[in-house]
PDB file of N, CA and C in Angstrom:
ATOM      1  N   UNK A   1     -37.948 -31.822 -74.366  1.00  0.00           N
ATOM      2  CA  UNK A   1     -37.170 -32.461 -73.282  1.00  0.00           C
ATOM      3  C   UNK A   1     -37.229 -34.021 -73.901  1.00  0.00           C
ATOM      4  N   UNK A   2     -38.408 -34.523 -74.239  1.00  0.00           N
ATOM      5  CA  UNK A   2     -39.321 -36.073 -74.644  1.00  0.00           C
ATOM      6  C   UNK A   2     -38.148 -36.107 -75.594  1.00  0.00           C
ATOM      7  N   UNK A   3     -37.879 -35.070 -76.908  1.00  0.00           N
ATOM      8  CA  UNK A   3     -37.297 -35.922 -77.805  1.00  0.00           C
ATOM      9  C   UNK A   3     -35.541 -36.233 -77.640  1.00  0.00           C
ATOM     10  N   UNK A   4     -35.324 -35.364 -76.584  1.00  0.00           N
ATOM     11  CA  UNK A   4     -33.821 -35.267 -76.690  1.00  0.00           C
ATOM     12  C   UNK A   4     -33.501 -36.641 -75.551  1.00  0.00           C
ATOM     13  N   UNK A   5     -34.190 -37.226 -74.871  1.00  0.00           N
ATOM     14  CA  UNK A   5     -34.274 -38.130 -74.087  1.00  0.00           C
ATOM     15  C   UNK A   5     -34.356 -39.549 -75.067  1.00  0.00           C
ATOM     16  N   UNK A   6     -35.073 -39.633 -75.972  1.00  0.00           N
ATOM     17  CA  UNK A   6     -35.403 -40.337 -77.115  1.00  0.00           C
ATOM     18  C   UNK A   6     -33.969 -40.708 -77.993  1.00  0.00           C
ATOM     19  N   UNK A   7     -33.346 -39.385 -78.648  1.00  0.00           N
ATOM     20  CA  UNK A   7     -32.434 -39.064 -79.518  1.00  0.00           C
ATOM     21  C   UNK A   7     -31.257 -40.226 -77.986  1.00  0.00           C
ATOM     22  N   UNK A   8     -31.233 -39.803 -77.418  1.00  0.00           N
ATOM     23  CA  UNK A   8     -30.116 -39.771 -76.353  1.00  0.00           C
ATOM     24  C   UNK A   8     -29.871 -41.532 -75.972  1.00  0.00           C
ATOM     25  N   UNK A   9     -31.545 -42.164 -75.645  1.00  0.00           N
ATOM     26  CA  UNK A   9     -31.490 -43.121 -75.532  1.00  0.00           C
ATOM     27  C   UNK A   9     -31.047 -43.882 -76.782  1.00  0.00           C
ATOM     28  N   UNK A  10     -31.343 -43.736 -78.498  1.00  0.00           N
ATOM     29  CA  UNK A  10     -31.197 -44.515 -79.634  1.00  0.00           C
ATOM     30  C   UNK A  10     -29.253 -44.334 -79.685  1.00  0.00           C
ATOM     31  N   UNK A  11     -29.079 -43.159 -79.506  1.00  0.00           N
ATOM     32  CA  UNK A  11     -27.616 -42.887 -79.670  1.00  0.00           C
ATOM     33  C   UNK A  11     -26.886 -44.286 -78.656  1.00  0.00           C
ATOM     34  N   UNK A  12     -27.394 -44.340 -76.913  1.00  0.00           N
ATOM     35  CA  UNK A  12     -26.613 -45.250 -76.461  1.00  0.00           C
ATOM     36  C   UNK A  12     -27.186 -46.655 -77.029  1.00  0.00           C
ATOM     37  N   UNK A  13     -28.055 -46.625 -77.600  1.00  0.00           N
ATOM     38  CA  UNK A  13     -27.997 -47.945 -78.345  1.00  0.00           C
ATOM     39  C   UNK A  13     -26.792 -48.171 -79.205  1.00  0.00           C
ATOM     40  N   UNK A  14     -26.409 -47.474 -80.121  1.00  0.00           N
ATOM     41  CA  UNK A  14     -25.557 -47.345 -81.043  1.00  0.00           C
ATOM     42  C   UNK A  14     -23.963 -47.619 -80.489  1.00  0.00           C
ATOM     43  N   UNK A  15     -24.172 -46.860 -78.830  1.00  0.00           N
ATOM     44  CA  UNK A  15     -23.064 -47.071 -78.587  1.00  0.00           C
ATOM     45  C   UNK A  15     -23.094 -48.748 -77.937  1.00  0.00           C
ATOM     46  N   UNK A  16     -23.745 -49.321 -77.403  1.00  0.00           N
ATOM     47  CA  UNK A  16     -23.703 -50.683 -77.174  1.00  0.00           C
ATOM     48  C   UNK A  16     -23.244 -51.630 -78.408  1.00  0.00           C
ATOM     49  N   UNK A  17     -23.871 -50.925 -79.570  1.00  0.00           N
ATOM     50  CA  UNK A  17     -23.977 -51.792 -80.621  1.00  0.00           C
ATOM     51  C   UNK A  17     -22.093 -51.786 -81.164  1.00  0.00           C
ATOM     52  N   UNK A  18     -21.693 -50.528 -81.156  1.00  0.00           N
ATOM     53  CA  UNK A  18     -20.348 -50.132 -81.203  1.00  0.00           C
ATOM     54  C   UNK A  18     -19.325 -51.243 -80.442  1.00  0.00           C
ATOM     55  N   UNK A  19     -19.436 -51.423 -79.137  1.00  0.00           N
ATOM     56  CA  UNK A  19     -18.406 -51.263 -78.055  1.00  0.00           C
ATOM     57  C   UNK A  19     -18.657 -52.958 -78.540  1.00  0.00           C
ATOM     58  N   UNK A  20     -20.134 -53.488 -78.705  1.00  0.00           N
ATOM     59  CA  UNK A  20     -19.612 -55.492 -78.885  1.00  0.00           C
ATOM     60  C   UNK A  20     -18.988 -55.194 -79.872  1.00  0.00           C
ATOM     61  N   UNK A  21     -19.133 -54.850 -81.257  1.00  0.00           N
ATOM     62  CA  UNK A  21     -18.188 -55.325 -82.020  1.00  0.00           C
ATOM     63  C   UNK A  21     -17.098 -54.677 -82.191  1.00  0.00           C
ATOM     64  N   UNK A  22     -16.683 -53.941 -81.368  1.00  0.00           N
ATOM     65  CA  UNK A  22     -15.288 -53.400 -81.328  1.00  0.00           C
ATOM     66  C   UNK A  22     -14.475 -54.520 -80.892  1.00  0.00           C
ATOM     67  N   UNK A  23     -14.990 -54.363 -79.401  1.00  0.00           N
ATOM     68  CA  UNK A  23     -14.583 -55.635 -78.520  1.00  0.00           C
ATOM     69  C   UNK A  23     -14.071 -57.314 -79.560  1.00  0.00           C
ATOM     70  N   UNK A  24     -15.413 -57.976 -79.940  1.00  0.00           N
ATOM     71  CA  UNK A  24     -15.785 -59.086 -80.768  1.00  0.00           C
ATOM     72  C   UNK A  24     -14.915 -58.491 -82.146  1.00  0.00           C
ATOM     73  N   UNK A  25     -14.744 -57.974 -82.713  1.00  0.00           N
ATOM     74  CA  UNK A  25     -13.765 -58.430 -83.902  1.00  0.00           C
ATOM     75  C   UNK A  25     -12.617 -57.408 -83.894  1.00  0.00           C
ATOM     76  N   UNK A  26     -11.950 -57.156 -82.771  1.00  0.00           N
ATOM     77  CA  UNK A  26     -11.096 -55.840 -82.146  1.00  0.00           C
ATOM     78  C   UNK A  26     -10.948 -55.382 -82.582  1.00  0.00           C
ATOM     79  N   UNK A  27     -11.920 -54.124 -82.641  1.00  0.00           N
ATOM     80  CA  UNK A  27     -12.037 -52.927 -83.836  1.00  0.00           C
ATOM     81  C   UNK A  27     -11.782 -51.974 -82.517  1.00  0.00           C
ATOM     82  N   UNK A  28     -10.648 -51.433 -82.481  1.00  0.00           N
ATOM     83  CA  UNK A  28     -10.336 -50.190 -81.238  1.00  0.00           C
ATOM     84  C   UNK A  28     -11.336 -48.697 -82.272  1.00  0.00           C
ATOM     85  N   UNK A  29     -11.246 -48.350 -83.352  1.00  0.00           N
ATOM     86  CA  UNK A  29     -12.065 -48.064 -83.812  1.00  0.00           C
ATOM     87  C   UNK A  29     -13.314 -47.629 -83.470  1.00  0.00           C
ATOM     88  N   UNK A  30     -13.938 -48.745 -83.648  1.00  0.00           N
ATOM     89  CA  UNK A  30     -15.669 -48.765 -82.784  1.00  0.00           C
ATOM     90  C   UNK A  30     -15.489 -48.233 -81.785  1.00  0.00           C
ATOM     91  N   UNK A  31     -14.601 -48.940 -80.743  1.00  0.00           N
ATOM     92  CA  UNK A  31     -14.778 -48.729 -79.239  1.00  0.00           C
ATOM     93  C   UNK A  31     -14.556 -46.895 -79.184  1.00  0.00           C
ATOM     94  N   UNK A  32     -13.719 -46.515 -79.654  1.00  0.00           N
ATOM     95  CA  UNK A  32     -13.456 -45.086 -80.047  1.00  0.00           C
ATOM     96  C   UNK A  32     -15.162 -44.026 -80.290  1.00  0.00           C
ATOM     97  N   UNK A  33     -15.813 -44.567 -81.600  1.00  0.00           N
ATOM     98  CA  UNK A  33     -16.470 -43.877 -81.691  1.00  0.00           C
ATOM     99  C   UNK A  33     -17.479 -44.156 -80.938  1.00  0.00           C
ATOM    100  N   UNK A  34     -17.986 -45.705 -80.401  1.00  0.00           N
ATOM    101  CA  UNK A  34     -18.684 -45.626 -79.215  1.00  0.00           C
ATOM    102  C   UNK A  34     -18.657 -44.571 -77.979  1.00  0.00           C
ATOM    103  N   UNK A  35     -17.468 -44.155 -77.539  1.00  0.00           N
ATOM    104  CA  UNK A  35     -16.817 -43.270 -76.296  1.00  0.00           C
ATOM    105  C   UNK A  35     -17.380 -42.256 -76.916  1.00  0.00           C
ATOM    106  N   UNK A  36     -17.075 -41.587 -78.315  1.00  0.00           N
ATOM    107  CA  UNK A  36     -17.125 -40.228 -78.967  1.00  0.00           C
ATOM    108  C   UNK A  36     -19.322 -39.942 -78.481  1.00  0.00           C
ATOM    109  N   UNK A  37     -19.927 -40.910 -79.355  1.00  0.00           N
ATOM    110  CA  UNK A  37     -21.295 -41.194 -79.216  1.00  0.00           C
ATOM    111  C   UNK A  37     -22.004 -41.047 -77.635  1.00  0.00           C
ATOM    112  N   UNK A  38     -20.978 -41.546 -76.972  1.00  0.00           N
ATOM    113  CA  UNK A  38     -21.611 -41.497 -75.293  1.00  0.00           C
ATOM    114  C   UNK A  38     -21.468 -40.345 -74.583  1.00  0.00           C
ATOM    115  N   UNK A  39     -20.764 -39.840 -75.215  1.00  0.00           N
ATOM    116  CA  UNK A  39     -20.427 -38.200 -74.508  1.00  0.00           C
ATOM    117  C   UNK A  39     -21.760 -37.483 -75.711  1.00  0.00           C
ATOM    118  N   UNK A  40     -21.814 -37.736 -76.362  1.00  0.00           N
ATOM    119  CA  UNK A  40     -23.059 -37.115 -77.317  1.00  0.00           C
ATOM    120  C   UNK A  40     -24.392 -37.141 -76.602  1.00  0.00           C
ATOM    121  N   UNK A  41     -24.677 -38.750 -75.840  1.00  0.00           N
ATOM    122  CA  UNK A  41     -25.945 -38.463 -75.261  1.00  0.00           C
ATOM    123  C   UNK A  41     -25.908 -37.698 -73.930  1.00  0.00           C
ATOM    124  N   UNK A  42     -24.610 -38.286 -73.468  1.00  0.00           N
ATOM    125  CA  UNK A  42     -24.660 -37.234 -71.933  1.00  0.00           C
ATOM    126  C   UNK A  42     -24.656 -35.690 -72.453  1.00  0.00           C
ATOM    127  N   UNK A  43     -24.149 -34.962 -73.204  1.00  0.00           N
ATOM    128  CA  UNK A  43     -24.505 -33.752 -74.043  1.00  0.00           C
ATOM    129  C   UNK A  43     -26.471 -34.134 -73.946  1.00  0.00           C
ATOM    130  N   UNK A  44     -26.643 -34.343 -74.700  1.00  0.00           N
ATOM    131  CA  UNK A  44     -28.827 -34.226 -74.732  1.00  0.00           C
ATOM    132  C   UNK A  44     -29.003 -35.068 -73.388  1.00  0.00           C
ATOM    133  N   UNK A  45     -28.857 -35.493 -72.705  1.00  0.00           N
ATOM    134  CA  UNK A  45     -29.286 -35.603 -71.569  1.00  0.00           C
ATOM    135  C   UNK A  45     -28.842 -34.641 -70.547  1.00  0.00           C
ATOM    136  N   UNK A  46     -27.779 -33.945 -70.108  1.00  0.00           N
ATOM    137  CA  UNK A  46     -27.565 -32.769 -69.551  1.00  0.00           C
ATOM    138  C   UNK A  46     -28.471 -31.512 -70.200  1.00  0.00           C
ATOM    139  N   UNK A  47     -28.126 -31.145 -71.048  1.00  0.00           N
ATOM    140  CA  UNK A  47     -28.689 -30.115 -71.815  1.00  0.00           C
ATOM    141  C   UNK A  47     -30.852 -30.326 -71.564  1.00  0.00           C
ATOM    142  N   UNK A  48     -31.296 -31.360 -71.815  1.00  0.00           N
ATOM    143  CA  UNK A  48     -32.751 -31.757 -71.606  1.00  0.00           C
ATOM    144  C   UNK A  48     -32.779 -31.436 -70.089  1.00  0.00           C
ATOM    145  N   UNK A  49     -32.083 -32.230 -69.237  1.00  0.00           N
ATOM    146  CA  UNK A  49     -32.293 -31.835 -67.633  1.00  0.00           C
ATOM    147  C   UNK A  49     -32.686 -29.901 -67.437  1.00  0.00           C
ATOM    148  N   UNK A  50     -31.096 -29.530 -68.039  1.00  0.00           N
ATOM    149  CA  UNK A  50     -31.521 -27.793 -67.943  1.00  0.00           C
ATOM    150  C   UNK A  50     -32.353 -27.413 -68.411  1.00  0.00           C
ATOM    151  N   UNK A  51     -33.085 -27.191 -69.329  1.00  0.00           N
ATOM    152  CA  UNK A  51     -34.143 -27.309 -70.129  1.00  0.00           C
ATOM    153  C   UNK A  51     -35.569 -27.604 -69.094  1.00  0.00           C
ATOM    154  N   UNK A  52     -35.358 -28.959 -68.262  1.00  0.00           N
ATOM    155  CA  UNK A  52     -36.204 -28.819 -67.513  1.00  0.00           C
ATOM    156  C   UNK A  52     -36.490 -27.763 -66.482  1.00  0.00           C
ATOM    157  N   UNK A  53     -35.362 -27.926 -66.071  1.00  0.00           N
ATOM    158  CA  UNK A  53     -34.785 -26.621 -64.553  1.00  0.00           C
ATOM    159  C   UNK A  53     -35.982 -25.063 -64.984  1.00  0.00           C
ATOM    160  N   UNK A  54     -35.746 -24.929 -65.945  1.00  0.00           N
ATOM    161  CA  UNK A  54     -36.064 -23.774 -66.339  1.00  0.00           C
ATOM    162  C   UNK A  54     -37.751 -23.052 -66.683  1.00  0.00           C
TER     163      UNK A  54
END
C-alpha cells in the first residue's frame, strides 16, 4: 500500500507539471495528459485503500 501511495504521489507531481506547462504554453494536449494521469493516481489510491481494508 505504501508503494502505491508513493507512485500516486509521483504521478500527481507530473500532473502538476503538465497542467502548468499546458496552461502557460497553451498546449491543451498536456492538460488532457494530466487529466489522464490524475485518474491513474486516483485508481492507485483507491486500490491501496481497498488493500488496507482487507
